[in-house]
Amino acid sequence: MPPILSSDSLDTMLFSDSRCLIVDDSAAFCAAAKTVLFEAGAAVVGTAATSADAVVVANTISPQLIIVDIDLGAESGFDVVEMLSTGDRDPQPAIVLVSTHDETDFMDLIDVSSAVGFLPKFELSATSLLQLMNSPSRDT
């Protein structure tokens, strides 16, 4: 799958009108992530706070990028990633895990998940998403 993010330089990020879904039970984070994505040119076409809502919204809007919080209250973001990665979507959405916790706390689970990678919530930016999405390790 070709990267959905492109730019002439890291200073000028364009998300090429990418359709994005944010899965997080924090309304404050959803609002902040929407702002980051909107300012980068992406269209946030939905949000969800539970795994059930995430699946329904993803099946309805066919996002190209899905940002999923690892800790969804009583639910695991890793389970959400697997639910969203199965099915006959073509192409499959790029899924990025986020958390307030350190990546090392979840390294083994991140490595075996279907997500393209992980970003700490405080590092969510157009630049960090661009770098993650275009990372050579994404295709391995």
Foldseek 3Di string as FASTA:
>chain_A
DDFQKDDPDLVQTASPQFEEEEEALDPVLVVVLCVQQVVNHYHDPYYHLDLVVLLVVCVVPVGQEYEFEQPSDVDGSLVSQVSQQDDDDVPRHAYEYEYCDDCVVCVVSQVPGPHLYYDYSVPDHSSVVVCSSPPPVSVD
